[in-house]
Every structure is written in structure tokens, then in C-alpha cells.
Amino acid sequence: MAFGLGVLRLPSRDFWSMTPRELFCAAEGVYGVAPGAPSRAALEDLMRQFPDSQGST
């Protein structure tokens, strides 16, 4: 709601009539396309760089 009413400054009637897809596309227009998930190799590299400490919960 904060995005639709605050950032986009939509009237409440227009906000509530939007489909989720329309809201998603509006967010991409404002914030850009979100990056995809990292590849398995990139994730494994990050896990090597930043291992979990022993005994952590």
C-alpha cells in the first residue's frame, strides 16, 4: 500500500483496482528489474568466503 499510494501516488480507487501483475510491473518501472538468484557455483563461492561459524544457531 505504501508503494501504490505513497510512491506512485495513486488514488485509492486506482490502487485497489490494480492487479498484482500491474503492481509488480509498476514496481519494476520504479526500482528496476530484480536480479535473479545466484548460480550454484556463485552460492558455493560465497559459502567458502563466509562460512558459518561452528556452534552457531
N, C-alpha and C. Protein backbone atom coordinates (compact mmCIF):
# COMPACT_ATOMS: atom_id res chain seq x y z
N MET A 1 0.82 -1.17 0.00
CA MET A 1 0.00 0.00 0.00
C MET A 1 0.87 1.25 0.00
N ALA A 2 1.96 1.22 0.77
CA ALA A 2 2.83 2.39 0.83
C ALA A 2 3.40 2.70 -0.55
N PHE A 3 3.73 1.66 -1.31
CA PHE A 3 4.26 1.87 -2.65
C PHE A 3 3.20 2.46 -3.57
N GLY A 4 2.04 1.85 -3.60
CA GLY A 4 0.99 2.29 -4.51
C GLY A 4 0.45 3.66 -4.18
N LEU A 5 0.17 3.88 -2.91
CA LEU A 5 -0.42 5.15 -2.51
C LEU A 5 0.63 6.23 -2.27
N GLY A 6 1.79 5.83 -1.74
CA GLY A 6 2.82 6.81 -1.40
C GLY A 6 3.78 7.10 -2.53
N VAL A 7 4.41 6.06 -3.08
CA VAL A 7 5.40 6.26 -4.13
C VAL A 7 4.73 6.60 -5.46
N LEU A 8 3.78 5.78 -5.86
CA LEU A 8 3.10 6.04 -7.14
C LEU A 8 2.06 7.15 -7.04
N ARG A 9 1.64 7.44 -5.80
CA ARG A 9 0.64 8.49 -5.55
C ARG A 9 -0.66 8.23 -6.30
N LEU A 10 -1.07 6.96 -6.29
CA LEU A 10 -2.32 6.58 -6.94
C LEU A 10 -3.51 6.94 -6.06
N PRO A 11 -4.61 7.33 -6.65
CA PRO A 11 -5.83 7.45 -5.86
C PRO A 11 -6.21 6.05 -5.35
N SER A 12 -6.82 5.98 -4.18
CA SER A 12 -7.13 4.67 -3.60
C SER A 12 -7.98 3.82 -4.54
N ARG A 13 -8.89 4.42 -5.27
CA ARG A 13 -9.72 3.69 -6.22
C ARG A 13 -8.84 2.98 -7.26
N ASP A 14 -7.85 3.68 -7.80
CA ASP A 14 -6.96 3.08 -8.80
C ASP A 14 -6.06 2.01 -8.20
N PHE A 15 -5.55 2.27 -7.00
CA PHE A 15 -4.70 1.28 -6.35
C PHE A 15 -5.45 -0.03 -6.12
N TRP A 16 -6.65 0.05 -5.57
CA TRP A 16 -7.39 -1.17 -5.25
C TRP A 16 -7.92 -1.88 -6.49
N SER A 17 -7.95 -1.22 -7.63
CA SER A 17 -8.40 -1.89 -8.85
C SER A 17 -7.24 -2.51 -9.63
N MET A 18 -6.00 -2.27 -9.19
CA MET A 18 -4.84 -2.86 -9.87
C MET A 18 -4.77 -4.36 -9.62
N THR A 19 -4.27 -5.08 -10.62
CA THR A 19 -3.98 -6.50 -10.43
C THR A 19 -2.59 -6.61 -9.82
N PRO A 20 -2.28 -7.74 -9.19
CA PRO A 20 -0.92 -7.92 -8.68
C PRO A 20 0.14 -7.76 -9.78
N ARG A 21 -0.16 -8.23 -10.99
CA ARG A 21 0.79 -8.10 -12.08
C ARG A 21 1.04 -6.63 -12.43
N GLU A 22 -0.01 -5.83 -12.43
CA GLU A 22 0.15 -4.40 -12.72
C GLU A 22 1.00 -3.72 -11.65
N LEU A 23 0.77 -4.08 -10.39
CA LEU A 23 1.56 -3.51 -9.31
C LEU A 23 3.02 -3.94 -9.43
N PHE A 24 3.25 -5.21 -9.76
CA PHE A 24 4.60 -5.72 -9.95
C PHE A 24 5.31 -4.97 -11.08
N CYS A 25 4.64 -4.77 -12.19
CA CYS A 25 5.23 -4.05 -13.33
C CYS A 25 5.52 -2.60 -12.97
N ALA A 26 4.65 -1.99 -12.20
CA ALA A 26 4.89 -0.61 -11.76
C ALA A 26 6.13 -0.55 -10.87
N ALA A 27 6.30 -1.54 -10.00
CA ALA A 27 7.47 -1.58 -9.12
C ALA A 27 8.75 -1.76 -9.94
N GLU A 28 8.71 -2.61 -10.96
CA GLU A 28 9.87 -2.77 -11.83
C GLU A 28 10.19 -1.47 -12.56
N GLY A 29 9.16 -0.73 -12.95
CA GLY A 29 9.38 0.54 -13.61
C GLY A 29 10.07 1.56 -12.72
N VAL A 30 9.77 1.51 -11.44
CA VAL A 30 10.37 2.45 -10.50
C VAL A 30 11.74 1.97 -10.01
N TYR A 31 11.82 0.70 -9.62
CA TYR A 31 13.03 0.18 -8.98
C TYR A 31 13.94 -0.61 -9.90
N GLY A 32 13.49 -0.94 -11.10
CA GLY A 32 14.27 -1.77 -12.00
C GLY A 32 13.99 -3.24 -11.77
N VAL A 33 14.50 -4.06 -12.66
CA VAL A 33 14.28 -5.50 -12.59
C VAL A 33 15.16 -6.08 -11.49
N ALA A 34 14.57 -6.90 -10.64
CA ALA A 34 15.32 -7.54 -9.56
C ALA A 34 16.28 -8.57 -10.14
N PRO A 35 17.48 -8.67 -9.58
CA PRO A 35 18.41 -9.69 -10.07
C PRO A 35 17.90 -11.08 -9.75
N GLY A 36 18.29 -12.04 -10.55
CA GLY A 36 17.89 -13.42 -10.32
C GLY A 36 18.68 -14.04 -9.17
N ALA A 37 18.33 -15.25 -8.84
CA ALA A 37 19.04 -15.98 -7.79
C ALA A 37 20.47 -16.27 -8.26
N PRO A 38 21.41 -16.37 -7.33
CA PRO A 38 22.78 -16.69 -7.73
C PRO A 38 22.87 -18.12 -8.25
N SER A 39 23.84 -18.35 -9.11
CA SER A 39 24.06 -19.71 -9.61
C SER A 39 24.59 -20.58 -8.47
N ARG A 40 24.55 -21.87 -8.67
CA ARG A 40 25.05 -22.79 -7.64
C ARG A 40 26.53 -22.52 -7.38
N ALA A 41 27.31 -22.27 -8.43
CA ALA A 41 28.74 -22.01 -8.27
C ALA A 41 28.96 -20.72 -7.47
N ALA A 42 28.18 -19.69 -7.76
CA ALA A 42 28.32 -18.43 -7.03
C ALA A 42 27.94 -18.62 -5.56
N LEU A 43 26.90 -19.40 -5.31
CA LEU A 43 26.49 -19.66 -3.93
C LEU A 43 27.58 -20.44 -3.19
N GLU A 44 28.16 -21.44 -3.82
CA GLU A 44 29.22 -22.21 -3.18
C GLU A 44 30.44 -21.33 -2.91
N ASP A 45 30.75 -20.42 -3.82
CA ASP A 45 31.86 -19.49 -3.62
C ASP A 45 31.59 -18.60 -2.41
N LEU A 46 30.38 -18.09 -2.29
CA LEU A 46 30.03 -17.27 -1.13
C LEU A 46 30.10 -18.07 0.16
N MET A 47 29.69 -19.33 0.10
CA MET A 47 29.75 -20.18 1.29
C MET A 47 31.19 -20.43 1.72
N ARG A 48 32.12 -20.53 0.75
CA ARG A 48 33.54 -20.67 1.09
C ARG A 48 34.08 -19.37 1.69
N GLN A 49 33.68 -18.24 1.13
CA GLN A 49 34.17 -16.95 1.61
C GLN A 49 33.63 -16.61 3.00
N PHE A 50 32.40 -17.01 3.26
CA PHE A 50 31.73 -16.64 4.51
C PHE A 50 31.13 -17.88 5.17
N PRO A 51 31.99 -18.76 5.69
CA PRO A 51 31.46 -20.00 6.29
C PRO A 51 30.70 -19.70 7.59
N ASP A 52 29.74 -20.57 7.88
CA ASP A 52 29.05 -20.48 9.16
C ASP A 52 30.05 -20.81 10.25
N SER A 53 29.99 -20.08 11.35
CA SER A 53 30.90 -20.38 12.45
C SER A 53 30.42 -21.64 13.16
N GLN A 54 31.34 -22.38 13.71
CA GLN A 54 30.99 -23.60 14.42
C GLN A 54 30.21 -23.26 15.68
N GLY A 55 29.17 -24.01 15.92
CA GLY A 55 28.37 -23.83 17.12
C GLY A 55 27.35 -22.72 17.05
N SER A 56 27.21 -22.07 15.90
CA SER A 56 26.20 -21.02 15.80
C SER A 56 24.84 -21.64 15.59
N THR A 57 23.80 -20.94 16.00
CA THR A 57 22.44 -21.45 15.82
C THR A 57 21.73 -20.69 14.76
